[in-house]
Amino acid sequence: MTTPVLELRSVDKSFGPIDVLHKISLKVRAGEVLCLLGDNGAGKSTLIKTLAGVHKPTRGQILMDGKEVSFDRPRDAQDMGIATVHQFGGTFPLMSIGRSFFVGAEPTKGWGPFKIYDRKKANEIAVKAVQDFGITRVDDGDRLIGGLSGGERQSLAIARAVHFGARVLILDEPTAALGVKQAAHVLRIVKEAQRRGLAVIFITHQVMHAMAVGDHFAVLIRGAVAADFVKGQKSREEITDLMAGGETMADLEAQISSDLATADGHPSPATL
């Protein structure tokens, strides 16, 4: 078994007296998609920020390639090859595709004080990078980001991360606000990133999307890992039940039916 690209060992995170993460142990290898599942309030956002260098763990270890690392700021995580893509791609609606792709690292032409932004080169590289991920509709680097669909924005952000050497790709709810077709585009991009050898952490609360791309799964409940399993070990229904805190959908349906029957077909005040 190869050494994980990224590993967490018994990571805790507290804010004053409030414990948010509890002994989180996870690992993801090159060419693997780890799906981190959890409902709102499960601790996913805090975990992402800890991996991205925004928060330092209160206790525990973060390792890359088997060696302990410490991030004092997000740039430290980025320099180690950890790229985080948020729900809307982290792109700039009023920027062109080429400019957004290279923001902060723009290619230039000329010499010394006469250097200027090389728009043609930036556009060519950005368009090719996105098209290499199968998004062929994007063919003009001068096009504004605001004119792209949500799925295309995600694809652009992922292509940018890969271009700049990401080894670990953290995707924060990338399909949450997308329609079926756009979500399918993003899931294909995830599989392409995996094929290229990246370690992917796919954060979602949508079980169907996780099952479509995941190799390894972890369910987070109230800041702790409630289940850790590989593809094929649990059904969609079992995963959904876990995310609901162990209360089965059958139990919920039975409770709702009972409440409705008690109220003669109308929800009672106690259920509102």
C-alpha atoms as a PDB file:
ATOM      1  CA  MET A   1       0.000   0.000   0.000  1.00  0.00           C
ATOM      2  CA  THR A   2       1.402   3.373  -1.007  1.00  0.00           C
ATOM      3  CA  THR A   3       2.013   6.131   1.520  1.00  0.00           C
ATOM      4  CA  PRO A   4      -0.919   8.569   1.715  1.00  0.00           C
ATOM      5  CA  VAL A   5      -0.318  11.948   0.104  1.00  0.00           C
ATOM      6  CA  LEU A   6      -2.272  13.545   2.961  1.00  0.00           C
ATOM      7  CA  GLU A   7      -3.127  12.085   6.355  1.00  0.00           C
ATOM      8  CA  LEU A   8      -4.740  13.348   9.546  1.00  0.00           C
ATOM      9  CA  ARG A   9      -4.024  11.604  12.833  1.00  0.00           C
ATOM     10  CA  SER A  10      -6.294  12.273  15.803  1.00  0.00           C
ATOM     11  CA  VAL A  11      -6.844  15.912  14.865  1.00  0.00           C
ATOM     12  CA  ASP A  12      -8.846  18.030  17.314  1.00  0.00           C
ATOM     13  CA  LYS A  13      -9.891  21.629  16.847  1.00  0.00           C
ATOM     14  CA  SER A  14     -11.273  23.776  19.644  1.00  0.00           C
ATOM     15  CA  PHE A  15     -12.292  27.399  19.771  1.00  0.00           C
ATOM     16  CA  GLY A  16     -11.954  28.327  23.432  1.00  0.00           C
ATOM     17  CA  PRO A  17     -14.150  25.894  25.393  1.00  0.00           C
ATOM     18  CA  ILE A  18     -15.989  24.693  22.267  1.00  0.00           C
ATOM     19  CA  ASP A  19     -14.716  21.485  20.699  1.00  0.00           C
ATOM     20  CA  VAL A  20     -15.507  21.410  16.967  1.00  0.00           C
ATOM     21  CA  LEU A  21     -13.397  18.496  15.684  1.00  0.00           C
ATOM     22  CA  HIS A  22     -12.743  15.348  17.701  1.00  0.00           C
ATOM     23  CA  LYS A  23      -9.891  12.927  16.908  1.00  0.00           C
ATOM     24  CA  ILE A  24     -10.263  13.086  13.129  1.00  0.00           C
ATOM     25  CA  SER A  25      -8.142  10.415  11.430  1.00  0.00           C
ATOM     26  CA  LEU A  26      -8.310  10.300   7.617  1.00  0.00           C
ATOM     27  CA  LYS A  27      -5.987   9.521   4.742  1.00  0.00           C
ATOM     28  CA  VAL A  28      -6.083   9.949   0.973  1.00  0.00           C
ATOM     29  CA  ARG A  29      -3.671   8.554  -1.602  1.00  0.00           C
ATOM     30  CA  ALA A  30      -2.665   9.668  -5.082  1.00  0.00           C
ATOM     31  CA  GLY A  31      -5.327   8.737  -7.626  1.00  0.00           C
ATOM     32  CA  GLU A  32      -7.991   8.266  -4.945  1.00  0.00           C
ATOM     33  CA  VAL A  33     -11.224  10.136  -4.260  1.00  0.00           C
ATOM     34  CA  LEU A  34     -12.076  10.416  -0.563  1.00  0.00           C
ATOM     35  CA  CYS A  35     -15.684  11.520  -0.081  1.00  0.00           C
ATOM     36  CA  LEU A  36     -16.306  13.353   3.168  1.00  0.00           C
ATOM     37  CA  LEU A  37     -20.019  13.251   3.903  1.00  0.00           C
ATOM     38  CA  GLY A  38     -21.929  15.131   6.529  1.00  0.00           C
ATOM     39  CA  ASP A  39     -24.996  17.241   7.092  1.00  0.00           C
ATOM     40  CA  ASN A  40     -24.930  20.940   8.002  1.00  0.00           C
ATOM     41  CA  GLY A  41     -23.101  21.470  11.285  1.00  0.00           C
ATOM     42  CA  ALA A  42     -21.117  18.247  10.994  1.00  0.00           C
ATOM     43  CA  GLY A  43     -17.787  20.083  11.092  1.00  0.00           C
ATOM     44  CA  LYS A  44     -16.935  19.887   7.389  1.00  0.00           C
ATOM     45  CA  SER A  45     -16.135  23.605   7.050  1.00  0.00           C
ATOM     46  CA  THR A  46     -13.782  23.609  10.034  1.00  0.00           C
ATOM     47  CA  LEU A  47     -12.029  20.510   8.719  1.00  0.00           C
ATOM     48  CA  ILE A  48     -11.569  22.110   5.278  1.00  0.00           C
ATOM     49  CA  LYS A  49     -10.115  25.254   6.851  1.00  0.00           C
ATOM     50  CA  THR A  50      -7.746  23.152   8.962  1.00  0.00           C
ATOM     51  CA  LEU A  51      -6.501  21.286   5.886  1.00  0.00           C
ATOM     52  CA  ALA A  52      -6.178  24.563   3.957  1.00  0.00           C
ATOM     53  CA  GLY A  53      -4.059  26.262   6.616  1.00  0.00           C
ATOM     54  CA  VAL A  54      -6.701  28.704   7.853  1.00  0.00           C
ATOM     55  CA  HIS A  55      -6.873  26.990  11.269  1.00  0.00           C
ATOM     56  CA  LYS A  56      -4.131  25.142  13.112  1.00  0.00           C
ATOM     57  CA  PRO A  57      -5.144  21.890  14.843  1.00  0.00           C
ATOM     58  CA  THR A  58      -5.462  22.160  18.598  1.00  0.00           C
ATOM     59  CA  ARG A  59      -4.084  18.637  18.873  1.00  0.00           C
ATOM     60  CA  GLY A  60      -3.065  15.889  16.466  1.00  0.00           C
ATOM     61  CA  GLN A  61      -0.941  15.670  13.333  1.00  0.00           C
ATOM     62  CA  ILE A  62      -1.192  16.493   9.639  1.00  0.00           C
ATOM     63  CA  LEU A  63       1.178  14.504   7.438  1.00  0.00           C
ATOM     64  CA  MET A  64       2.128  14.740   3.773  1.00  0.00           C
ATOM     65  CA  ASP A  65       3.977  11.816   2.204  1.00  0.00           C
ATOM     66  CA  GLY A  66       4.385  10.370   5.683  1.00  0.00           C
ATOM     67  CA  LYS A  67       6.080  13.446   7.162  1.00  0.00           C
ATOM     68  CA  GLU A  68       4.443  15.772   9.668  1.00  0.00           C
ATOM     69  CA  VAL A  69       3.717  19.274   8.375  1.00  0.00           C
ATOM     70  CA  SER A  70       2.436  22.464   9.945  1.00  0.00           C
ATOM     71  CA  PHE A  71       0.595  25.271   8.168  1.00  0.00           C
ATOM     72  CA  ASP A  72       0.769  28.751   9.662  1.00  0.00           C
ATOM     73  CA  ARG A  73      -1.251  30.303   6.837  1.00  0.00           C
ATOM     74  CA  PRO A  74      -3.140  29.197   3.705  1.00  0.00           C
ATOM     75  CA  ARG A  75      -0.124  29.947   1.509  1.00  0.00           C
ATOM     76  CA  ASP A  76       1.842  27.240   3.373  1.00  0.00           C
ATOM     77  CA  ALA A  77      -0.768  24.638   2.429  1.00  0.00           C
ATOM     78  CA  GLN A  78      -0.823  25.870  -1.166  1.00  0.00           C
ATOM     79  CA  ASP A  79       2.967  25.648  -1.383  1.00  0.00           C
ATOM     80  CA  MET A  80       2.723  22.017  -0.286  1.00  0.00           C
ATOM     81  CA  GLY A  81       0.310  21.318  -3.133  1.00  0.00           C
ATOM     82  CA  ILE A  82      -3.057  21.527  -1.348  1.00  0.00           C
ATOM     83  CA  ALA A  83      -5.653  23.380  -3.433  1.00  0.00           C
ATOM     84  CA  THR A  84      -9.151  24.155  -2.188  1.00  0.00           C
ATOM     85  CA  VAL A  85     -11.977  24.851  -4.643  1.00  0.00           C
ATOM     86  CA  HIS A  86     -15.080  26.297  -3.044  1.00  0.00           C
ATOM     87  CA  GLN A  87     -18.673  25.943  -4.160  1.00  0.00           C
ATOM     88  CA  PHE A  88     -18.611  28.627  -6.859  1.00  0.00           C
ATOM     89  CA  GLY A  89     -15.058  27.954  -7.978  1.00  0.00           C
ATOM     90  CA  GLY A  90     -13.394  30.925  -6.273  1.00  0.00           C
ATOM     91  CA  THR A  91     -13.455  32.770  -9.591  1.00  0.00           C
ATOM     92  CA  PHE A  92     -14.030  36.456 -10.319  1.00  0.00           C
ATOM     93  CA  PRO A  93     -17.237  37.187 -12.311  1.00  0.00           C
ATOM     94  CA  LEU A  94     -15.987  40.449 -13.841  1.00  0.00           C
ATOM     95  CA  MET A  95     -12.621  39.026 -14.911  1.00  0.00           C
ATOM     96  CA  SER A  96     -11.891  37.277 -18.175  1.00  0.00           C
ATOM     97  CA  ILE A  97     -11.208  33.537 -18.170  1.00  0.00           C
ATOM     98  CA  GLY A  98      -7.530  34.083 -18.986  1.00  0.00           C
ATOM     99  CA  ARG A  99      -7.018  36.736 -16.315  1.00  0.00           C
ATOM    100  CA  SER A 100      -8.869  34.759 -13.647  1.00  0.00           C
ATOM    101  CA  PHE A 101      -6.878  31.633 -14.465  1.00  0.00           C
ATOM    102  CA  PHE A 102      -3.586  33.437 -13.805  1.00  0.00           C
ATOM    103  CA  VAL A 103      -4.626  35.942 -11.128  1.00  0.00           C
ATOM    104  CA  GLY A 104      -1.546  36.605  -9.018  1.00  0.00           C
ATOM    105  CA  ALA A 105       0.737  34.727 -11.434  1.00  0.00           C
ATOM    106  CA  GLU A 106       0.129  36.495 -14.745  1.00  0.00           C
ATOM    107  CA  PRO A 107       2.461  35.669 -17.665  1.00  0.00           C
ATOM    108  CA  THR A 108       4.276  38.689 -19.032  1.00  0.00           C
ATOM    109  CA  LYS A 109       6.157  39.718 -22.132  1.00  0.00           C
ATOM    110  CA  GLY A 110       8.801  42.361 -22.648  1.00  0.00           C
ATOM    111  CA  TRP A 111      11.837  43.180 -20.526  1.00  0.00           C
ATOM    112  CA  GLY A 112      12.499  44.914 -17.217  1.00  0.00           C
ATOM    113  CA  PRO A 113      10.258  47.929 -16.607  1.00  0.00           C
ATOM    114  CA  PHE A 114       8.618  47.383 -19.979  1.00  0.00           C
ATOM    115  CA  LYS A 115       7.024  44.039 -19.041  1.00  0.00           C
ATOM    116  CA  ILE A 116       3.300  43.818 -19.684  1.00  0.00           C
ATOM    117  CA  TYR A 117       0.620  41.204 -19.178  1.00  0.00           C
ATOM    118  CA  ASP A 118       0.671  38.657 -22.003  1.00  0.00           C
ATOM    119  CA  ARG A 119      -3.050  38.348 -22.638  1.00  0.00           C
ATOM    120  CA  LYS A 120      -2.706  36.086 -25.688  1.00  0.00           C
ATOM    121  CA  LYS A 121      -0.544  33.549 -23.873  1.00  0.00           C
ATOM    122  CA  ALA A 122      -2.773  33.577 -20.785  1.00  0.00           C
ATOM    123  CA  ASN A 123      -5.893  33.016 -22.882  1.00  0.00           C
ATOM    124  CA  GLU A 124      -4.348  30.176 -24.874  1.00  0.00           C
ATOM    125  CA  ILE A 125      -3.129  28.326 -21.770  1.00  0.00           C
ATOM    126  CA  ALA A 126      -6.384  28.820 -19.834  1.00  0.00           C
ATOM    127  CA  VAL A 127      -8.622  27.671 -22.691  1.00  0.00           C
ATOM    128  CA  LYS A 128      -6.451  24.610 -23.397  1.00  0.00           C
ATOM    129  CA  ALA A 129      -6.353  23.657 -19.704  1.00  0.00           C
ATOM    130  CA  VAL A 130     -10.150  23.753 -19.444  1.00  0.00           C
ATOM    131  CA  GLN A 131     -10.685  21.956 -22.751  1.00  0.00           C
ATOM    132  CA  ASP A 132      -8.259  19.230 -21.687  1.00  0.00           C
ATOM    133  CA  PHE A 133     -10.755  18.500 -18.917  1.00  0.00           C
ATOM    134  CA  GLY A 134     -13.492  18.037 -21.521  1.00  0.00           C
ATOM    135  CA  ILE A 135     -15.193  21.448 -21.277  1.00  0.00           C
ATOM    136  CA  THR A 136     -15.064  22.235 -24.987  1.00  0.00           C
ATOM    137  CA  ARG A 137     -17.690  25.010 -24.879  1.00  0.00           C
ATOM    138  CA  VAL A 138     -15.095  27.325 -23.341  1.00  0.00           C
ATOM    139  CA  ASP A 139     -13.100  28.527 -26.354  1.00  0.00           C
ATOM    140  CA  ASP A 140     -12.505  32.242 -25.755  1.00  0.00           C
ATOM    141  CA  GLY A 141     -10.130  33.372 -23.018  1.00  0.00           C
ATOM    142  CA  ASP A 142     -11.496  36.920 -23.141  1.00  0.00           C
ATOM    143  CA  ARG A 143     -14.945  35.756 -22.128  1.00  0.00           C
ATOM    144  CA  LEU A 144     -16.056  36.991 -18.701  1.00  0.00           C
ATOM    145  CA  ILE A 145     -16.311  34.472 -15.862  1.00  0.00           C
ATOM    146  CA  GLY A 146     -19.785  35.790 -15.096  1.00  0.00           C
ATOM    147  CA  GLY A 147     -21.029  34.309 -18.382  1.00  0.00           C
ATOM    148  CA  LEU A 148     -20.012  30.763 -17.436  1.00  0.00           C
ATOM    149  CA  SER A 149     -22.292  28.191 -15.861  1.00  0.00           C
ATOM    150  CA  GLY A 150     -21.631  27.004 -12.320  1.00  0.00           C
ATOM    151  CA  GLY A 151     -20.181  23.754 -13.634  1.00  0.00           C
ATOM    152  CA  GLU A 152     -17.860  25.597 -16.015  1.00  0.00           C
ATOM    153  CA  ARG A 153     -16.626  27.834 -13.194  1.00  0.00           C
ATOM    154  CA  GLN A 154     -15.856  24.755 -11.122  1.00  0.00           C
ATOM    155  CA  SER A 155     -14.043  23.196 -14.076  1.00  0.00           C
ATOM    156  CA  LEU A 156     -11.967  26.342 -14.584  1.00  0.00           C
ATOM    157  CA  ALA A 157     -10.967  26.441 -10.910  1.00  0.00           C
ATOM    158  CA  ILE A 158     -10.005  22.752 -10.915  1.00  0.00           C
ATOM    159  CA  ALA A 159      -8.025  23.115 -14.156  1.00  0.00           C
ATOM    160  CA  ARG A 160      -6.221  26.107 -12.639  1.00  0.00           C
ATOM    161  CA  ALA A 161      -5.307  24.126  -9.501  1.00  0.00           C
ATOM    162  CA  VAL A 162      -3.923  21.259 -11.590  1.00  0.00           C
ATOM    163  CA  HIS A 163      -1.967  23.653 -13.837  1.00  0.00           C
ATOM    164  CA  PHE A 164      -0.245  25.182 -10.817  1.00  0.00           C
ATOM    165  CA  GLY A 165       0.848  21.826  -9.434  1.00  0.00           C
ATOM    166  CA  ALA A 166      -1.825  20.758  -6.955  1.00  0.00           C
ATOM    167  CA  ARG A 167      -1.313  17.291  -5.506  1.00  0.00           C
ATOM    168  CA  VAL A 168      -4.329  17.340  -3.195  1.00  0.00           C
ATOM    169  CA  LEU A 169      -7.592  18.787  -4.487  1.00  0.00           C
ATOM    170  CA  ILE A 170     -10.184  19.693  -1.850  1.00  0.00           C
ATOM    171  CA  LEU A 171     -13.618  20.275  -3.380  1.00  0.00           C
ATOM    172  CA  ASP A 172     -16.092  21.974  -1.053  1.00  0.00           C
ATOM    173  CA  GLU A 173     -19.667  21.061  -2.020  1.00  0.00           C
ATOM    174  CA  PRO A 174     -18.895  21.492  -5.749  1.00  0.00           C
ATOM    175  CA  THR A 175     -22.286  20.194  -6.951  1.00  0.00           C
ATOM    176  CA  ALA A 176     -24.545  21.650  -4.248  1.00  0.00           C
ATOM    177  CA  ALA A 177     -25.925  24.547  -6.286  1.00  0.00           C
ATOM    178  CA  LEU A 178     -25.858  22.877  -9.704  1.00  0.00           C
ATOM    179  CA  GLY A 179     -28.498  21.263 -11.884  1.00  0.00           C
ATOM    180  CA  VAL A 180     -28.240  17.648 -12.994  1.00  0.00           C
ATOM    181  CA  LYS A 181     -26.332  18.328 -16.219  1.00  0.00           C
ATOM    182  CA  GLN A 182     -23.849  20.746 -14.641  1.00  0.00           C
ATOM    183  CA  ALA A 183     -23.287  18.420 -11.689  1.00  0.00           C
ATOM    184  CA  ALA A 184     -22.524  15.593 -14.119  1.00  0.00           C
ATOM    185  CA  HIS A 185     -19.878  17.802 -15.771  1.00  0.00           C
ATOM    186  CA  VAL A 186     -18.213  18.435 -12.419  1.00  0.00           C
ATOM    187  CA  LEU A 187     -18.267  14.741 -11.492  1.00  0.00           C
ATOM    188  CA  ARG A 188     -16.524  13.949 -14.773  1.00  0.00           C
ATOM    189  CA  ILE A 189     -13.894  16.555 -13.921  1.00  0.00           C
ATOM    190  CA  VAL A 190     -13.375  14.885 -10.539  1.00  0.00           C
ATOM    191  CA  LYS A 191     -12.771  11.537 -12.247  1.00  0.00           C
ATOM    192  CA  GLU A 192     -10.337  13.181 -14.678  1.00  0.00           C
ATOM    193  CA  ALA A 193      -8.390  14.722 -11.777  1.00  0.00           C
ATOM    194  CA  GLN A 194      -8.251  11.276 -10.198  1.00  0.00           C
ATOM    195  CA  ARG A 195      -7.032   9.765 -13.466  1.00  0.00           C
ATOM    196  CA  ARG A 196      -4.220  12.308 -13.508  1.00  0.00           C
ATOM    197  CA  GLY A 197      -3.044  11.047 -10.134  1.00  0.00           C
ATOM    198  CA  LEU A 198      -4.349  13.736  -7.801  1.00  0.00           C
ATOM    199  CA  ALA A 199      -5.573  12.908  -4.335  1.00  0.00           C
ATOM    200  CA  VAL A 200      -9.124  14.290  -4.214  1.00  0.00           C
ATOM    201  CA  ILE A 201     -11.154  15.121  -1.102  1.00  0.00           C
ATOM    202  CA  PHE A 202     -14.752  15.583  -2.193  1.00  0.00           C
ATOM    203  CA  ILE A 203     -16.905  17.219   0.501  1.00  0.00           C
ATOM    204  CA  THR A 204     -20.628  16.823  -0.005  1.00  0.00           C
ATOM    205  CA  HIS A 205     -23.945  16.027   1.605  1.00  0.00           C
ATOM    206  CA  GLN A 206     -25.279  14.488  -1.623  1.00  0.00           C
ATOM    207  CA  VAL A 207     -24.859  10.746  -1.321  1.00  0.00           C
ATOM    208  CA  MET A 208     -25.595   9.977  -4.978  1.00  0.00           C
ATOM    209  CA  HIS A 209     -22.808  12.264  -6.177  1.00  0.00           C
ATOM    210  CA  ALA A 210     -20.367  10.784  -3.673  1.00  0.00           C
ATOM    211  CA  MET A 211     -21.168   7.237  -4.743  1.00  0.00           C
ATOM    212  CA  ALA A 212     -20.640   8.144  -8.401  1.00  0.00           C
ATOM    213  CA  VAL A 213     -16.993   9.127  -7.919  1.00  0.00           C
ATOM    214  CA  GLY A 214     -15.790   7.933  -4.514  1.00  0.00           C
ATOM    215  CA  ASP A 215     -13.299   5.198  -3.657  1.00  0.00           C
ATOM    216  CA  HIS A 216     -13.220   5.803   0.077  1.00  0.00           C
ATOM    217  CA  PHE A 217     -15.852   7.409   2.297  1.00  0.00           C
ATOM    218  CA  ALA A 218     -16.003   9.018   5.716  1.00  0.00           C
ATOM    219  CA  VAL A 219     -19.159  10.260   7.439  1.00  0.00           C
ATOM    220  CA  LEU A 220     -18.715  13.204   9.791  1.00  0.00           C
ATOM    221  CA  ILE A 221     -21.233  13.754  12.598  1.00  0.00           C
ATOM    222  CA  ARG A 222     -20.850  16.493  15.215  1.00  0.00           C
ATOM    223  CA  GLY A 223     -17.160  16.865  14.457  1.00  0.00           C
ATOM    224  CA  ALA A 224     -16.216  13.186  14.658  1.00  0.00           C
ATOM    225  CA  VAL A 225     -15.794  10.425  12.083  1.00  0.00           C
ATOM    226  CA  ALA A 226     -18.838   8.196  12.568  1.00  0.00           C
ATOM    227  CA  ALA A 227     -17.942   5.755   9.775  1.00  0.00           C
ATOM    228  CA  ASP A 228     -14.961   5.103   7.503  1.00  0.00           C
ATOM    229  CA  PHE A 229     -15.403   2.625   4.645  1.00  0.00           C
ATOM    230  CA  VAL A 230     -14.501   1.850   1.048  1.00  0.00           C
ATOM    231  CA  LYS A 231     -16.644   1.646  -2.074  1.00  0.00           C
ATOM    232  CA  GLY A 232     -19.135  -1.212  -2.023  1.00  0.00           C
ATOM    233  CA  GLN A 233     -19.212  -1.704   1.754  1.00  0.00           C
ATOM    234  CA  LYS A 234     -22.377   0.331   2.380  1.00  0.00           C
ATOM    235  CA  SER A 235     -25.533   1.046   0.402  1.00  0.00           C
ATOM    236  CA  ARG A 236     -26.935   4.485  -0.336  1.00  0.00           C
ATOM    237  CA  GLU A 237     -29.636   3.928   2.303  1.00  0.00           C
ATOM    238  CA  GLU A 238     -27.070   2.954   4.949  1.00  0.00           C
ATOM    239  CA  ILE A 239     -24.983   6.044   4.226  1.00  0.00           C
ATOM    240  CA  THR A 240     -28.048   8.289   4.360  1.00  0.00           C
ATOM    241  CA  ASP A 241     -29.034   6.777   7.701  1.00  0.00           C
ATOM    242  CA  LEU A 242     -25.531   7.384   9.053  1.00  0.00           C
ATOM    243  CA  MET A 243     -25.660  11.019   7.997  1.00  0.00           C
ATOM    244  CA  ALA A 244     -28.983  11.369   9.811  1.00  0.00           C
ATOM    245  CA  GLY A 245     -27.224  10.343  12.996  1.00  0.00           C
ATOM    246  CA  GLY A 246     -28.249   6.713  12.879  1.00  0.00           C
ATOM    247  CA  GLU A 247     -31.978   7.395  12.756  1.00  0.00           C
ATOM    248  CA  THR A 248     -33.318   5.418   9.805  1.00  0.00           C
ATOM    249  CA  MET A 249     -35.573   6.920   7.182  1.00  0.00           C
ATOM    250  CA  ALA A 250     -38.130   4.250   8.087  1.00  0.00           C
ATOM    251  CA  ASP A 251     -38.193   5.548  11.677  1.00  0.00           C
ATOM    252  CA  LEU A 252     -38.645   9.120  10.468  1.00  0.00           C
ATOM    253  CA  GLU A 253     -41.468   8.134   8.106  1.00  0.00           C
ATOM    254  CA  ALA A 254     -43.184   6.191  10.883  1.00  0.00           C
ATOM    255  CA  GLN A 255     -42.960   9.183  13.228  1.00  0.00           C
ATOM    256  CA  ILE A 256     -44.386  11.548  10.602  1.00  0.00           C
ATOM    257  CA  SER A 257     -47.248   9.135   9.829  1.00  0.00           C
ATOM    258  CA  SER A 258     -48.019   8.827  13.529  1.00  0.00           C
ATOM    259  CA  ASP A 259     -48.079  12.606  14.011  1.00  0.00           C
ATOM    260  CA  LEU A 260     -50.376  13.094  11.022  1.00  0.00           C
ATOM    261  CA  ALA A 261     -52.753  10.369  12.176  1.00  0.00           C
ATOM    262  CA  THR A 262     -52.925  11.866  15.687  1.00  0.00           C
ATOM    263  CA  ALA A 263     -53.819  15.247  14.239  1.00  0.00           C
ATOM    264  CA  ASP A 264     -56.487  13.763  11.940  1.00  0.00           C
ATOM    265  CA  GLY A 265     -54.448  14.452   8.845  1.00  0.00           C
ATOM    266  CA  HIS A 266     -53.126  17.856   9.938  1.00  0.00           C
ATOM    267  CA  PRO A 267     -49.750  18.492  11.613  1.00  0.00           C
ATOM    268  CA  SER A 268     -50.209  19.065  15.326  1.00  0.00           C
ATOM    269  CA  PRO A 269     -48.743  22.226  16.938  1.00  0.00           C
ATOM    270  CA  ALA A 270     -46.096  20.077  18.633  1.00  0.00           C
ATOM    271  CA  THR A 271     -44.663  19.097  15.265  1.00  0.00           C
ATOM    272  CA  LEU A 272     -44.414  22.652  13.901  1.00  0.00           C
END
